[in-house]
Amino acid sequence: MNKEKELNDLLRGVEEVIPLDEFKEKILAGQKLKVKFGADPTAPDLHLGHTVVLRKLRKFQEYGHKVIFIIGDFTAQIGDPTGRAKTRPPLSKEQVLKNSLTYKEQMLKILHRENLEIVYNSEWLEKMNFVDVIKLASKYTLARMLEREDFSNRYKNNISISLHELLYCLMQGWDSVILKSELEIGGSDQKFNLIVGRDLQKEEGLPQQIIMTLPILEGTDGKLKMSKSYNNYIALNDAPQEMYGKIMSINDDLMFRYFELLTDEPIEKINEYKEGIKSGKYHPKKIKEELGKKIVEFYYSKEAADFAAEEFEKIFKQHGLPDDMQIIKITKNDLNENNKIWTIDLIEKTGLLKSRSEIKRMINQNAILINNKKCNDEDIEVEPEMIIKIGKRKFCKVLYEN
């Protein structure tokens, strides 16, 4: 196997490796590494921003390295303070365990089952007594903790920092000691936590892990990091048409970053696309279509990707309706005393939005059309057939059976 190719593939899209020379030396010598990655199941769904790291782990697997995926069921109950302007509210153990089930299901859409070990950090952290915690805390100084930008900013602005937040990175670092990891991978915002792992390994007389950080992916707005909080995310569980449509909405500059971080498209081909657009050989929309199909095909199938592209073309260029539009039925029992149906109740029945508060928000934003008319009324007249459109990509046909 070409070790230079392996090295280039593993370094693709990477922001920083510490120490880089040691990493290169081990890969070129054919050494197989024990690669650690941890994720706290603080929410049930993963999005494409999470997959930047997951895809890199997959690449390590393909070259024969072992990936240890830590589900931080213990640390999630405390909450990672990274990037937080205030203390994160704690999660219950029940909520964390529920979220962890969907994490496993979704991450296996990307990671191979071979060369993969899944562990929970409660296996060792729950067993620590108070003496163990004090000993662990003694291995790091407050001055070192305040080197973290988020802690430093909160301290300077007189915003409280809870003691348990200071312990978080020590616990994440202790995971590296327990597992004797040789390389830990994470987003660039996790750099401090990863360095703590190196420091604790040194304290315990172990070889220090190599650190690899990857960039934080921007969301569909092209400005903020991809996050459900910013409503600029593309979920792994999005339907193929929804996923494709969101990808087509990103700006032209961002699509090359998506190509590099979210696909295996050769760098040479990506550069060809860039030059082709500059010269007028390629139209940006055609290249973006390629991006959309590649991503959808990875998570679903080529057939699903082609169908999503056809549906997108039909809806947005030809102003048609999707062939596989959801159909729901309502009856007289669904009507109110005015023989109308409450608008919020109707939209809720479609299941296209997750909550009544989200429905209200979309109505206020004029983002919901019923038979091509904005729905601003509390209740509406019922017609034998109604087409509901939410945003640009969600459709539902409503049939009334008297």
Protein backbone atom coordinates (compact mmCIF):
# COMPACT_ATOMS: atom_id res chain seq x y z
CA MET A 1 0.00 0.00 0.00
CA ASN A 2 1.26 3.51 -0.88
CA LYS A 3 2.11 5.11 2.48
CA GLU A 4 2.44 8.57 0.92
CA LYS A 5 -1.14 8.29 -0.34
CA GLU A 6 -2.31 7.16 3.09
CA LEU A 7 -0.58 10.12 4.70
CA ASN A 8 -2.10 12.58 2.22
CA ASP A 9 -5.58 11.09 2.65
CA LEU A 10 -5.37 11.25 6.44
CA LEU A 11 -4.12 14.85 6.37
CA ARG A 12 -6.77 16.03 3.89
CA GLY A 13 -8.85 18.85 5.34
CA VAL A 14 -7.02 18.67 8.68
CA GLU A 15 -6.45 21.91 10.56
CA GLU A 16 -3.60 20.91 12.88
CA VAL A 17 -1.60 17.85 13.99
CA ILE A 18 0.50 17.92 17.18
CA PRO A 19 3.27 16.82 16.74
CA LEU A 20 3.09 16.60 12.95
CA ASP A 21 6.54 15.04 12.45
CA GLU A 22 5.72 12.17 14.81
CA PHE A 23 2.45 11.51 13.00
CA LYS A 24 4.16 11.45 9.60
CA GLU A 25 6.88 9.16 10.89
CA LYS A 26 4.40 6.63 12.28
CA ILE A 27 2.21 6.54 9.19
CA LEU A 28 5.13 6.23 6.78
CA ALA A 29 6.56 3.42 8.94
CA GLY A 30 3.28 1.51 8.61
CA GLN A 31 2.35 1.74 12.30
CA LYS A 32 -1.32 1.11 13.08
CA LEU A 33 -2.72 3.59 15.59
CA LYS A 34 -5.36 3.39 18.28
CA VAL A 35 -7.51 6.42 17.41
CA LYS A 36 -9.79 7.89 20.05
CA PHE A 37 -12.85 10.05 19.51
CA GLY A 38 -15.43 11.02 22.10
CA ALA A 39 -18.89 12.50 21.69
CA ASP A 40 -21.36 13.53 24.35
CA PRO A 41 -24.94 12.59 23.40
CA THR A 42 -26.40 15.95 24.43
CA ALA A 43 -28.95 15.86 21.58
CA PRO A 44 -30.49 12.95 19.67
CA ASP A 45 -29.60 13.96 16.11
CA LEU A 46 -26.35 14.26 14.20
CA HIS A 47 -25.84 16.65 11.28
CA LEU A 48 -23.25 16.99 8.52
CA GLY A 49 -21.12 19.20 10.75
CA HIS A 50 -20.54 16.20 13.02
CA THR A 51 -19.56 14.05 10.06
CA VAL A 52 -16.37 16.00 9.30
CA VAL A 53 -14.68 14.15 12.16
CA LEU A 54 -16.62 10.91 11.60
CA ARG A 55 -15.53 10.74 7.97
CA LYS A 56 -11.91 11.19 9.02
CA LEU A 57 -12.33 8.31 11.49
CA ARG A 58 -13.72 6.20 8.64
CA LYS A 59 -10.62 7.00 6.59
CA PHE A 60 -8.40 5.82 9.46
CA GLN A 61 -10.43 2.59 9.55
CA GLU A 62 -9.97 2.06 5.82
CA TYR A 63 -6.21 2.15 6.32
CA GLY A 64 -6.38 -0.45 9.09
CA HIS A 65 -6.22 1.76 12.17
CA LYS A 66 -8.46 0.99 15.14
CA VAL A 67 -11.09 3.56 16.14
CA ILE A 68 -12.33 3.75 19.72
CA PHE A 69 -15.57 5.71 19.82
CA ILE A 70 -16.35 6.96 23.32
CA ILE A 71 -19.98 7.76 24.03
CA GLY A 72 -19.68 10.29 26.85
CA ASP A 73 -22.70 9.19 28.82
CA PHE A 74 -21.03 10.35 32.05
CA THR A 75 -19.53 13.61 30.77
CA ALA A 76 -22.78 14.53 28.98
CA GLN A 77 -24.47 14.82 32.36
CA ILE A 78 -21.95 17.55 33.21
CA GLY A 79 -21.76 19.28 29.85
CA ASP A 80 -18.78 20.37 27.77
CA PRO A 81 -18.10 24.08 28.50
CA THR A 82 -16.25 24.53 25.19
CA GLY A 83 -17.44 27.69 23.46
CA ARG A 84 -20.13 28.29 26.07
CA ALA A 85 -20.76 31.81 27.34
CA LYS A 86 -22.50 30.41 30.41
CA THR A 87 -22.88 27.17 32.33
CA ARG A 88 -24.67 24.45 30.36
CA PRO A 89 -27.79 23.04 32.07
CA PRO A 90 -27.23 19.40 33.10
CA LEU A 91 -28.99 16.49 31.39
CA SER A 92 -30.60 13.58 33.17
CA LYS A 93 -29.06 10.13 32.87
CA GLU A 94 -32.26 8.89 31.20
CA GLN A 95 -32.09 11.59 28.51
CA VAL A 96 -28.42 10.89 27.86
CA LEU A 97 -29.01 7.16 27.45
CA LYS A 98 -31.93 7.79 25.10
CA ASN A 99 -29.81 10.13 22.98
CA SER A 100 -26.91 7.67 22.91
CA LEU A 101 -29.05 5.05 21.16
CA THR A 102 -29.67 7.33 18.18
CA TYR A 103 -25.99 8.38 18.18
CA LYS A 104 -24.92 4.78 17.67
CA GLU A 105 -27.45 4.22 14.91
CA GLN A 106 -26.47 7.35 13.01
CA MET A 107 -22.69 7.08 13.37
CA LEU A 108 -22.82 3.59 11.85
CA LYS A 109 -24.06 5.22 8.66
CA ILE A 110 -20.47 6.45 8.34
CA LEU A 111 -18.14 4.25 10.38
CA HIS A 112 -17.33 0.66 9.46
CA ARG A 113 -18.15 -1.97 12.07
CA GLU A 114 -14.70 -3.44 11.53
CA ASN A 115 -11.84 -1.78 13.44
CA LEU A 116 -14.41 -0.10 15.70
CA GLU A 117 -14.82 -0.35 19.44
CA ILE A 118 -17.64 1.52 21.17
CA VAL A 119 -17.26 2.29 24.87
CA TYR A 120 -19.07 4.42 27.46
CA ASN A 121 -16.96 6.58 29.77
CA SER A 122 -19.27 5.89 32.68
CA GLU A 123 -17.53 2.48 32.79
CA TRP A 124 -14.55 4.09 34.54
CA LEU A 125 -15.65 7.59 35.60
CA GLU A 126 -18.58 6.37 37.70
CA LYS A 127 -16.20 4.16 39.68
CA MET A 128 -14.05 7.07 40.83
CA ASN A 129 -14.48 8.07 44.47
CA PHE A 130 -13.91 11.55 45.91
CA VAL A 131 -10.26 10.81 46.68
CA ASP A 132 -9.75 9.82 43.03
CA VAL A 133 -11.34 13.07 41.87
CA ILE A 134 -9.14 15.16 44.18
CA LYS A 135 -6.03 13.36 42.91
CA LEU A 136 -7.09 14.01 39.32
CA ALA A 137 -7.79 17.69 40.05
CA SER A 138 -4.32 18.04 41.59
CA LYS A 139 -2.71 17.29 38.22
CA TYR A 140 -3.75 20.62 36.67
CA THR A 141 -3.54 24.24 37.81
CA LEU A 142 -6.18 26.95 37.68
CA ALA A 143 -3.79 29.10 35.67
CA ARG A 144 -3.66 26.43 32.95
CA MET A 145 -7.46 26.19 32.93
CA LEU A 146 -7.78 29.93 32.46
CA GLU A 147 -5.64 29.69 29.33
CA ARG A 148 -8.81 28.43 27.67
CA GLU A 149 -10.31 31.28 25.69
CA ASP A 150 -13.89 30.62 26.80
CA PHE A 151 -12.96 30.40 30.50
CA SER A 152 -10.70 33.44 30.20
CA ASN A 153 -13.45 35.53 28.59
CA ARG A 154 -16.00 34.51 31.19
CA TYR A 155 -13.57 35.27 34.02
CA LYS A 156 -12.71 38.72 32.62
CA ASN A 157 -16.39 39.54 32.13
CA ASN A 158 -17.31 38.37 35.63
CA ILE A 159 -19.46 35.52 34.28
CA SER A 160 -19.57 32.55 36.62
CA ILE A 161 -17.54 29.40 35.97
CA SER A 162 -18.74 26.38 37.93
CA LEU A 163 -16.12 24.06 39.40
CA HIS A 164 -17.58 21.05 37.62
CA GLU A 165 -16.84 22.75 34.28
CA LEU A 166 -13.16 22.87 35.21
CA LEU A 167 -13.30 19.14 35.84
CA TYR A 168 -14.82 18.38 32.43
CA CYS A 169 -11.59 18.56 30.41
CA LEU A 170 -9.81 16.52 33.10
CA MET A 171 -12.38 13.77 32.69
CA GLN A 172 -12.08 13.86 28.91
CA GLY A 173 -8.31 13.70 29.30
CA TRP A 174 -8.60 10.82 31.76
CA ASP A 175 -10.40 8.87 29.02
CA SER A 176 -7.13 9.01 27.08
CA VAL A 177 -5.23 7.63 30.07
CA ILE A 178 -7.65 4.74 30.56
CA LEU A 179 -7.72 3.80 26.87
CA LYS A 180 -4.01 4.48 26.25
CA SER A 181 -5.00 6.22 23.03
CA GLU A 182 -2.25 6.95 20.52
CA LEU A 183 -4.11 9.62 18.58
CA GLU A 184 -7.15 11.69 19.51
CA ILE A 185 -9.21 13.50 16.93
CA GLY A 186 -11.69 16.33 17.39
CA GLY A 187 -12.94 19.67 16.13
CA SER A 188 -10.63 22.67 16.33
CA ASP A 189 -12.67 23.97 19.26
CA GLN A 190 -11.62 20.88 21.25
CA LYS A 191 -7.88 21.56 21.06
CA PHE A 192 -7.48 22.46 24.74
CA ASN A 193 -9.33 19.33 25.87
CA LEU A 194 -7.17 17.14 23.62
CA ILE A 195 -3.98 18.70 24.99
CA VAL A 196 -5.15 17.90 28.52
CA GLY A 197 -5.26 14.25 27.46
CA ARG A 198 -1.62 14.46 26.34
CA ASP A 199 -0.61 16.12 29.61
CA LEU A 200 -2.36 13.54 31.79
CA GLN A 201 -0.82 10.67 29.85
CA LYS A 202 2.62 12.19 30.49
CA GLU A 203 1.77 12.55 34.21
CA GLU A 204 0.91 8.84 34.29
CA GLY A 205 4.11 7.82 32.53
CA LEU A 206 2.36 6.85 29.27
CA PRO A 207 3.30 7.72 25.69
CA GLN A 208 1.55 10.94 24.74
CA GLN A 209 -1.23 10.80 22.15
CA ILE A 210 -0.97 12.70 18.91
CA ILE A 211 -3.63 15.37 18.46
CA MET A 212 -5.51 15.93 15.20
CA THR A 213 -8.02 18.77 14.86
CA LEU A 214 -10.43 19.39 12.02
CA PRO A 215 -12.22 22.60 11.03
CA ILE A 216 -15.71 23.50 12.17
CA LEU A 217 -18.12 23.28 9.23
CA GLU A 218 -20.24 26.31 8.39
CA GLY A 219 -23.98 25.79 8.09
CA THR A 220 -26.18 26.46 5.07
CA ASP A 221 -26.08 30.21 5.80
CA GLY A 222 -22.34 30.16 5.07
CA LYS A 223 -21.55 32.22 8.19
CA LEU A 224 -22.19 30.43 11.49
CA LYS A 225 -21.10 26.93 12.41
CA MET A 226 -23.61 24.25 11.50
CA SER A 227 -25.97 23.87 14.44
CA LYS A 228 -29.59 23.06 15.19
CA SER A 229 -29.59 26.17 17.37
CA TYR A 230 -28.94 28.34 14.30
CA ASN A 231 -31.36 26.37 12.09
CA ASN A 232 -28.65 26.10 9.42
CA TYR A 233 -28.04 22.37 9.67
CA ILE A 234 -28.42 19.36 7.36
CA ALA A 235 -29.38 16.35 9.48
CA LEU A 236 -28.20 12.82 8.76
CA ASN A 237 -31.82 11.75 9.14
CA ASP A 238 -33.13 14.28 6.61
CA ALA A 239 -34.98 12.64 3.73
CA PRO A 240 -32.94 12.51 0.48
CA GLN A 241 -34.96 15.32 -1.15
CA GLU A 242 -34.63 17.49 1.96
CA MET A 243 -30.89 16.85 2.20
CA TYR A 244 -30.34 17.57 -1.49
CA GLY A 245 -32.45 20.73 -1.39
CA LYS A 246 -30.53 22.14 1.58
CA ILE A 247 -27.21 21.47 -0.16
CA MET A 248 -28.46 23.29 -3.25
CA SER A 249 -29.23 26.32 -1.06
CA ILE A 250 -25.61 26.93 0.03
CA ASN A 251 -23.56 29.67 -1.60
CA ASP A 252 -21.12 28.87 -4.39
CA ASP A 253 -17.97 29.52 -2.34
CA LEU A 254 -19.07 27.15 0.43
CA MET A 255 -19.63 24.20 -1.89
CA PHE A 256 -15.89 23.62 -2.36
CA ARG A 257 -15.42 23.42 1.40
CA TYR A 258 -18.27 20.88 1.50
CA PHE A 259 -16.61 18.93 -1.32
CA GLU A 260 -13.35 18.73 0.62
CA LEU A 261 -14.79 17.92 4.06
CA LEU A 262 -17.91 15.92 3.22
CA THR A 263 -16.92 13.85 0.17
CA ASP A 264 -14.02 11.77 -1.15
CA GLU A 265 -13.84 13.77 -4.37
CA PRO A 266 -10.14 14.00 -5.34
CA ILE A 267 -8.55 17.37 -4.59
CA GLU A 268 -7.43 17.53 -8.23
CA LYS A 269 -11.05 17.26 -9.36
CA ILE A 270 -12.18 19.93 -6.88
CA ASN A 271 -9.49 22.28 -8.21
CA GLU A 272 -10.64 21.49 -11.74
CA TYR A 273 -14.18 22.53 -10.77
CA LYS A 274 -12.88 25.79 -9.29
CA GLU A 275 -10.87 26.65 -12.39
CA GLY A 276 -13.71 25.55 -14.65
CA ILE A 277 -16.15 27.93 -12.97
CA LYS A 278 -13.64 30.79 -13.21
CA SER A 279 -13.12 30.15 -16.93
CA GLY A 280 -16.81 29.67 -17.66
CA LYS A 281 -16.38 26.01 -18.58
CA TYR A 282 -18.65 24.92 -15.72
CA HIS A 283 -21.78 26.53 -14.31
CA PRO A 284 -21.76 26.69 -10.48
CA LYS A 285 -25.24 25.11 -10.30
CA LYS A 286 -24.06 22.01 -12.18
CA ILE A 287 -21.13 21.54 -9.80
CA LYS A 288 -23.42 22.01 -6.81
CA GLU A 289 -25.73 19.35 -8.24
CA GLU A 290 -22.76 16.97 -8.30
CA LEU A 291 -22.06 17.80 -4.66
CA GLY A 292 -25.66 17.22 -3.65
CA LYS A 293 -25.86 13.87 -5.42
CA LYS A 294 -22.56 12.65 -3.96
CA ILE A 295 -23.61 13.44 -0.39
CA VAL A 296 -27.11 11.96 -0.74
CA GLU A 297 -25.73 8.84 -2.43
CA PHE A 298 -23.30 8.30 0.46
CA TYR A 299 -26.10 8.23 3.04
CA TYR A 300 -28.80 6.62 0.90
CA SER A 301 -28.19 5.32 -2.64
CA LYS A 302 -27.50 6.45 -6.18
CA GLU A 303 -31.17 5.94 -7.01
CA ALA A 304 -32.24 8.17 -4.10
CA ALA A 305 -29.72 10.83 -5.15
CA ASP A 306 -30.91 10.86 -8.77
CA PHE A 307 -34.55 11.00 -7.69
CA ALA A 308 -33.83 13.87 -5.28
CA ALA A 309 -32.15 15.82 -8.09
CA GLU A 310 -35.10 15.20 -10.43
CA GLU A 311 -37.60 16.30 -7.79
CA PHE A 312 -35.59 19.44 -7.05
CA GLU A 313 -35.52 20.34 -10.73
CA LYS A 314 -39.24 19.75 -11.07
CA ILE A 315 -40.17 21.85 -8.04
CA PHE A 316 -37.79 24.78 -8.38
CA LYS A 317 -37.33 25.12 -12.11
CA GLN A 318 -40.61 23.81 -13.47
CA HIS A 319 -42.66 24.90 -10.42
CA GLY A 320 -44.21 21.46 -10.16
CA LEU A 321 -45.12 19.27 -7.20
CA PRO A 322 -43.14 16.25 -5.95
CA ASP A 323 -44.34 12.83 -7.09
CA ASP A 324 -44.02 11.27 -3.65
CA MET A 325 -45.89 13.99 -1.78
CA GLN A 326 -47.28 12.89 1.57
CA ILE A 327 -51.08 12.56 1.73
CA ILE A 328 -53.20 12.94 4.86
CA LYS A 329 -56.98 12.85 5.30
CA ILE A 330 -59.26 14.92 7.50
CA THR A 331 -62.94 14.44 8.23
CA LYS A 332 -65.83 16.44 9.66
CA ASN A 333 -64.68 15.42 13.14
CA ASP A 334 -61.57 17.56 12.62
CA LEU A 335 -63.58 20.74 12.06
CA ASN A 336 -64.38 23.35 14.71
CA GLU A 337 -67.74 24.91 15.56
CA ASN A 338 -67.44 27.22 12.53
CA ASN A 339 -67.05 24.21 10.20
CA LYS A 340 -63.45 25.27 9.61
CA ILE A 341 -60.21 23.73 10.76
CA TRP A 342 -57.74 25.43 13.07
CA THR A 343 -54.67 26.24 10.99
CA ILE A 344 -52.20 25.06 13.64
CA ASP A 345 -54.10 21.78 14.05
CA LEU A 346 -54.02 21.19 10.29
CA ILE A 347 -50.29 21.81 9.99
CA GLU A 348 -49.64 19.66 13.06
CA LYS A 349 -51.48 16.73 11.43
CA THR A 350 -49.03 16.77 8.52
CA GLY A 351 -46.11 15.98 10.85
CA LEU A 352 -43.86 18.22 8.73
CA LEU A 353 -42.96 20.42 11.69
CA LYS A 354 -41.94 19.17 15.11
CA SER A 355 -43.91 21.44 17.45
CA ARG A 356 -46.79 23.89 17.63
CA SER A 357 -44.37 26.68 18.54
CA GLU A 358 -42.42 25.98 15.32
CA ILE A 359 -45.68 26.05 13.36
CA LYS A 360 -46.55 29.45 14.84
CA ARG A 361 -43.09 30.75 14.00
CA MET A 362 -43.32 29.57 10.38
CA ILE A 363 -46.80 31.10 10.01
CA ASN A 364 -45.52 34.43 11.34
CA GLN A 365 -42.67 34.27 8.83
CA ASN A 366 -45.18 33.71 5.98
CA ALA A 367 -43.37 30.44 5.27
CA ILE A 368 -46.51 28.30 5.01
CA LEU A 369 -48.73 28.31 1.93
CA ILE A 370 -52.06 26.53 1.55
CA ASN A 371 -53.11 26.25 -2.09
CA ASN A 372 -50.47 28.89 -2.89
CA LYS A 373 -51.94 31.41 -0.41
CA LYS A 374 -50.25 32.59 2.77
CA CYS A 375 -52.11 31.30 5.79
CA ASN A 376 -52.47 34.12 8.29
CA ASP A 377 -55.87 33.20 9.73
CA GLU A 378 -56.45 31.22 12.91
CA ASP A 379 -58.78 28.85 11.05
CA ILE A 380 -59.43 28.19 7.37
CA GLU A 381 -62.17 26.97 5.08
CA VAL A 382 -61.80 23.33 4.15
CA GLU A 383 -61.56 22.38 0.48
CA PRO A 384 -61.83 18.87 -0.98
CA GLU A 385 -58.12 18.95 -1.75
CA MET A 386 -55.47 21.25 -0.32
CA ILE A 387 -51.75 21.49 -0.99
CA ILE A 388 -49.66 22.63 1.94
CA LYS A 389 -46.18 23.98 1.26
CA ILE A 390 -43.81 24.70 4.16
CA GLY A 391 -40.68 26.63 3.30
CA LYS A 392 -39.21 25.64 -0.05
CA ARG A 393 -39.03 21.88 0.22
CA LYS A 394 -41.85 20.42 2.31
CA PHE A 395 -45.18 19.48 0.73
CA CYS A 396 -48.32 17.68 1.81
CA LYS A 397 -51.65 16.96 0.11
CA VAL A 398 -54.71 17.12 2.37
CA LEU A 399 -57.89 15.32 1.32
CA TYR A 400 -61.22 16.13 3.01
CA GLU A 401 -63.68 13.29 3.36
CA ASN A 402 -67.12 14.60 4.30
